[in-house]
Protein backbone atom coordinates (compact mmCIF):
# COMPACT_ATOMS: atom_id res chain seq x y z
CA MET A 1 -215.40 166.03 27.53
CA GLU A 2 -216.70 169.50 26.75
CA TYR A 3 -215.09 172.86 26.14
CA PHE A 4 -216.26 176.34 27.06
CA LEU A 5 -215.63 178.64 24.08
CA ILE A 6 -215.24 182.01 25.79
CA ASP A 7 -215.19 185.48 24.28
CA ASN A 8 -215.44 188.86 25.99
CA GLY A 9 -219.24 188.92 25.90
CA SER A 10 -221.65 191.27 24.17
CA LEU A 11 -225.03 192.90 24.49
CA ARG A 12 -225.48 192.64 20.70
CA PRO A 13 -227.62 189.66 19.61
CA GLY A 14 -225.72 189.36 16.33
CA SER A 15 -222.46 188.75 18.15
CA ILE A 16 -223.97 186.03 20.35
CA LEU A 17 -225.65 184.29 17.41
CA GLN A 18 -222.39 184.31 15.46
CA MET A 19 -220.57 182.84 18.46
CA ARG A 20 -223.13 180.05 18.67
CA LYS A 21 -222.66 179.24 15.00
CA ILE A 22 -218.88 179.07 15.43
CA ALA A 23 -219.27 176.80 18.48
CA ALA A 24 -221.65 174.49 16.62
CA GLU A 25 -219.32 174.16 13.63
CA LEU A 26 -216.35 173.54 15.91
CA ALA A 27 -218.28 170.86 17.79
CA GLN A 28 -219.11 169.09 14.55
CA THR A 29 -215.50 169.21 13.36
CA SER A 30 -213.83 168.33 16.67
CA GLY A 31 -216.27 165.75 17.97
CA TYR A 32 -216.45 167.47 21.36
CA LYS A 33 -219.27 169.41 22.94
CA ILE A 34 -218.52 173.15 22.66
CA ARG A 35 -220.50 175.57 24.84
CA PRO A 36 -220.33 179.27 23.86
CA PHE A 37 -219.97 181.76 26.69
CA GLY A 38 -219.40 185.47 26.94
CA LEU A 39 -217.15 186.46 29.80
CA MET A 40 -219.72 189.02 30.96
CA HIS A 41 -222.96 190.69 29.84
CA SER A 42 -224.27 188.10 27.35
CA HIS A 43 -226.79 186.66 29.81
CA LYS A 44 -228.53 190.06 29.92
CA VAL A 45 -229.70 189.90 26.30
CA ASP A 46 -233.42 189.28 25.80
CA PRO A 47 -233.87 185.64 24.68
CA ALA A 48 -236.51 186.85 22.24
CA GLU A 49 -233.64 188.36 20.24
CA LEU A 50 -231.70 185.09 20.41
CA GLU A 51 -234.17 182.65 18.83
CA THR A 52 -235.70 182.22 22.34
CA GLN A 53 -232.52 180.60 23.70
CA PRO A 54 -230.93 182.58 26.57
CA ALA A 55 -227.23 183.36 26.27
CA ASP A 56 -224.63 182.30 28.81
CA SER A 57 -221.89 184.32 30.49
CA MET A 58 -219.15 183.04 32.75
CA GLN A 59 -219.99 185.84 35.16
CA ASN A 60 -223.49 184.43 35.59
CA PHE A 61 -222.65 180.74 35.22
CA LEU A 62 -220.03 180.60 37.96
CA LEU A 63 -222.60 181.90 40.45
CA SER A 64 -225.28 179.43 39.37
CA GLU A 65 -226.23 175.99 40.66
CA ASP A 66 -225.15 174.52 37.31
CA ALA A 67 -221.53 175.40 38.09
CA GLY A 68 -221.73 173.26 41.20
CA GLU A 69 -222.68 170.20 39.17
CA ILE A 70 -219.52 170.01 37.06
CA GLU A 71 -216.00 169.07 38.09
CA GLU A 72 -213.92 170.41 35.21
CA ILE A 73 -213.89 173.52 33.04
CA ARG A 74 -211.70 173.67 29.96
CA ALA A 75 -211.73 177.22 28.66
CA LEU A 76 -211.13 177.61 24.93
CA SER A 77 -210.01 181.23 24.60
CA PHE A 78 -211.75 183.11 21.77
CA PHE A 79 -209.40 186.06 22.15
CA LEU A 80 -206.79 187.30 19.70
CA GLY A 81 -204.12 187.88 22.35
CA PRO A 82 -203.41 187.83 26.11
CA SER A 83 -206.24 190.09 27.21
CA LEU A 84 -206.70 190.74 30.91
CA ALA A 85 -209.99 188.89 30.50
CA ILE A 86 -208.13 185.58 30.22
CA THR A 87 -204.96 186.40 32.15
CA ASP A 88 -206.66 188.05 35.12
CA TRP A 89 -210.47 187.90 35.39
CA LEU A 90 -211.02 184.35 34.18
CA PRO A 91 -208.28 182.59 36.23
CA GLU A 92 -209.24 184.54 39.34
CA ASN A 93 -212.89 183.56 39.04
CA LEU A 94 -212.20 179.98 38.02
CA GLN A 95 -209.88 179.63 41.00
CA ALA A 96 -212.65 180.88 43.29
CA TRP A 97 -214.96 178.25 41.77
CA LYS A 98 -212.30 175.55 42.26
CA ASP A 99 -211.62 176.59 45.86
CA CYS A 100 -215.18 175.63 46.80
CA GLU A 101 -214.21 171.97 46.22
CA PRO A 102 -210.44 171.97 45.68
CA GLU A 103 -210.05 168.19 45.74
CA VAL A 104 -212.65 167.66 43.04
CA ARG A 105 -212.75 170.64 40.72
CA LYS A 106 -210.15 171.60 38.15
CA TYR A 107 -209.82 173.95 35.22
CA ARG A 108 -207.54 174.80 32.34
CA ILE A 109 -207.37 177.94 30.19
CA LEU A 110 -206.08 177.33 26.68
CA ASP A 111 -203.92 179.79 24.75
CA PRO A 112 -205.43 182.70 22.80
CA LEU A 113 -205.60 182.55 19.01
CA TYR A 114 -202.31 184.24 18.15
CA GLN A 115 -198.99 182.64 19.01
CA PRO A 116 -195.62 183.99 17.76
CA GLY A 117 -194.60 182.53 14.44
CA ASP A 118 -198.11 181.48 13.44
CA ASP A 119 -199.26 183.44 10.37
CA ARG A 120 -202.78 182.02 10.10
CA LEU A 121 -204.53 185.12 11.44
CA ALA A 122 -202.59 187.24 8.95
CA ARG A 123 -203.46 184.86 6.13
CA ALA A 124 -207.13 185.05 7.06
CA MET A 125 -207.03 188.86 7.28
CA THR A 126 -205.24 189.05 3.95
CA GLU A 127 -207.81 186.80 2.29
CA LEU A 128 -210.67 188.92 3.63
CA SER A 129 -208.94 192.08 2.40
CA ARG A 130 -208.42 190.62 -1.06
CA GLU A 131 -212.10 189.71 -1.20
CA GLN A 132 -213.02 193.37 -0.62
CA ILE A 133 -210.53 194.54 -3.24
CA LYS A 134 -211.98 192.16 -5.82
CA GLU A 135 -215.65 192.63 -4.96
CA ASN A 136 -215.42 196.41 -5.03
CA GLY A 137 -213.13 196.75 -8.04
CA LEU A 138 -210.39 198.54 -6.12
CA GLU A 139 -207.01 199.21 -7.69
CA THR A 140 -204.02 199.14 -5.33
CA PRO A 141 -205.92 200.62 -2.36
CA ALA A 142 -204.49 201.48 1.04
CA VAL A 143 -205.17 198.96 3.81
CA ALA A 144 -205.78 200.01 7.41
CA MET A 145 -205.65 197.10 9.83
CA VAL A 146 -207.62 198.24 12.88
CA ASP A 147 -208.13 196.80 16.33
CA HIS A 148 -209.94 198.23 19.33
CA GLY A 149 -206.89 199.66 21.07
CA THR A 150 -205.50 198.43 24.37
CA PRO A 151 -203.71 199.55 27.53
CA LEU A 152 -201.47 196.46 27.32
CA PRO A 153 -198.31 196.53 25.18
CA GLU A 154 -198.33 192.73 24.89
CA VAL A 155 -201.82 192.81 23.36
CA ASN A 156 -200.79 195.61 21.02
CA GLN A 157 -197.80 193.52 19.94
CA VAL A 158 -200.18 190.89 18.60
CA ARG A 159 -201.66 193.52 16.28
CA GLU A 160 -198.21 194.64 15.20
CA ASP A 161 -196.98 191.09 14.55
CA VAL A 162 -200.05 190.14 12.54
CA GLY A 163 -199.92 193.48 10.75
CA GLU A 164 -196.34 192.95 9.65
CA GLN A 165 -197.24 189.52 8.35
CA MET A 166 -200.13 191.06 6.41
CA ARG A 167 -197.91 193.78 4.98
CA GLN A 168 -195.58 191.14 3.57
CA LEU A 169 -198.40 188.98 2.22
CA LEU A 170 -200.08 191.88 0.41
CA GLY A 171 -196.82 193.28 -0.96
CA THR A 172 -197.29 195.37 -4.11
CA GLU A 173 -201.02 194.63 -4.32
CA ILE A 174 -201.67 197.74 -2.22
CA ALA A 175 -200.49 201.34 -2.14
CA GLN A 176 -200.11 201.78 1.62
CA PHE A 177 -200.47 199.70 4.76
CA SER A 178 -200.78 200.70 8.39
CA THR A 179 -201.96 199.23 11.66
CA CYS A 180 -204.17 201.52 13.74
CA ALA A 181 -206.59 201.57 16.65
CA MET A 182 -210.22 202.52 16.98
CA GLU A 183 -209.61 204.31 20.27
CA ARG A 184 -206.96 204.73 22.97
CA ARG A 185 -206.42 206.20 26.40
CA PRO A 186 -205.00 209.74 26.28
CA ASP A 187 -201.87 209.32 28.41
CA PRO A 188 -198.55 209.26 26.49
CA ILE A 189 -197.73 205.79 27.83
CA TYR A 190 -200.43 204.47 25.50
CA ASP A 191 -198.93 206.02 22.36
CA PHE A 192 -198.12 202.52 21.09
CA ASN A 193 -201.76 202.32 19.92
CA ASP A 194 -201.29 205.11 17.38
CA PRO A 195 -202.34 206.04 14.84
CA LEU A 196 -206.06 206.21 15.46
CA LEU A 197 -208.13 205.12 12.46
CA GLU A 198 -209.75 208.54 12.02
CA ASN A 199 -206.35 210.26 11.99
CA LEU A 200 -204.94 207.73 9.55
CA LEU A 201 -207.88 208.17 7.17
CA GLN A 202 -207.46 211.96 7.33
CA LYS A 203 -203.74 211.65 6.58
CA TRP A 204 -204.42 209.43 3.59
CA MET A 205 -207.17 211.69 2.31
CA ASP A 206 -204.82 214.68 2.54
CA VAL A 207 -202.29 212.96 0.27
CA GLY A 208 -204.92 211.95 -2.29
CA ILE A 209 -205.70 208.36 -1.37
CA ARG A 210 -209.31 207.64 -2.25
CA GLU A 211 -209.64 203.84 -1.91
CA VAL A 212 -209.18 202.15 1.47
CA VAL A 213 -209.81 198.69 2.84
CA VAL A 214 -210.39 198.75 6.60
CA SER A 215 -209.21 195.33 7.72
CA GLN A 216 -211.09 194.61 10.94
CA PHE A 217 -209.01 192.78 13.55
CA PHE A 218 -212.18 191.82 15.39
CA LEU A 219 -213.63 188.35 15.86
CA LEU A 220 -217.34 189.12 16.14
CA PRO A 221 -219.81 191.81 15.00
CA GLY A 222 -220.32 193.56 18.33
CA ARG A 223 -220.92 197.26 18.94
CA HIS A 224 -217.54 198.16 17.45
CA ALA A 225 -217.28 196.11 14.24
CA GLY A 226 -220.92 195.28 13.54
CA PRO A 227 -223.37 197.08 11.22
CA GLY A 228 -223.74 200.70 12.27
CA GLY A 229 -221.09 200.24 14.95
CA ASP A 230 -218.24 202.47 16.03
CA LEU A 231 -216.00 201.67 13.06
CA ALA A 232 -218.79 202.42 10.59
CA GLN A 233 -219.33 205.78 12.30
CA ILE A 234 -215.62 206.62 12.15
CA CYS A 235 -215.52 205.84 8.42
CA GLN A 236 -218.74 207.63 7.40
CA PRO A 237 -217.43 211.25 7.37
CA PHE A 238 -214.64 210.21 4.98
CA ILE A 239 -217.08 208.32 2.77
CA ASP A 240 -219.18 211.50 2.69
CA GLN A 241 -216.12 213.36 1.39
CA GLY A 242 -215.66 210.93 -1.48
CA MET A 243 -213.32 208.31 -0.05
CA LYS A 244 -214.30 204.75 -0.97
CA ILE A 245 -213.95 202.67 2.18
CA CYS A 246 -214.66 198.94 2.28
CA ARG A 247 -214.61 197.08 5.58
CA THR A 248 -213.73 193.41 5.77
CA GLU A 249 -215.90 190.78 7.39
CA ASN A 250 -215.08 189.95 10.97
CA LEU A 251 -212.43 187.34 11.52
CA GLY A 252 -214.12 184.86 13.84
CA ALA A 253 -215.92 182.71 11.28
CA HIS A 254 -212.91 182.26 8.99
CA PRO A 255 -211.86 178.61 8.47
CA LEU A 256 -208.30 179.37 9.60
CA VAL A 257 -209.62 180.54 12.97
CA GLU A 258 -211.50 177.26 13.33
CA GLU A 259 -208.28 175.47 12.43
CA ILE A 260 -206.45 177.26 15.24
CA LEU A 261 -209.18 176.34 17.72
CA LEU A 262 -208.99 172.72 16.61
CA ASP A 263 -205.25 172.80 17.19
CA ARG A 264 -205.83 174.08 20.73
CA ILE A 265 -208.20 171.19 21.42
CA ARG A 266 -205.84 168.61 19.94
CA ALA A 267 -202.91 169.94 21.96
CA ASP A 268 -205.05 169.91 25.08
CA GLN A 269 -206.09 166.31 24.47
CA ALA A 270 -202.46 165.32 23.96
CA THR A 271 -201.42 166.55 27.42
């Protein structure tokens, strides 16, 4: 039995290498073979930037001869919530693969990382925020929990649920707390993403807040949450004006995330 650990995919080598490390650790803990895949794009990265080992993407794999040699795909979703990637693109393409040999092939897509009532993502985010507070000597800073932003209310609700759990866990340790998005579509129907991180930081600066932890609701260090990425660029003008901003590590390598993935595998094996 093997599992395909699937994230959205990235053109950043650091993101792919981190995904491989997570897959290797999960394989050792679970006892099952875990193959890391991006949904798209990852196969385009130069292997020379990936320790000479080419990356895999589902987009590329499902069109390859290798896909014709297996009979079952169990997709372990490395997504925070019900992204269209795993509710639309992946089932559609896996079904097309299955339809080539419908009597032989089968697939299963396991649940994303967050499920209602589970506070493990919030506990991990809180721990990472506390690490930044301690390491940087911050005193009751504000905490901005940021995700990418989404056109889907149900994906946004994951951020809001985890954010509320974080707010309660941090309590009086911090001065302010807010969820926010890195970016959003302009139409009013997407207002549920607000505030944007840059607008939130400006608001806090205007009222005299000078210490902020940006809690990154991102699993891997891609072009958004990695070094020199979009979030770093959003924060830099405020740092230049004297605001002390500390960004948390990405969430994907946290032990509680591995615990959730192990639970998905165990539940799958029990069915």
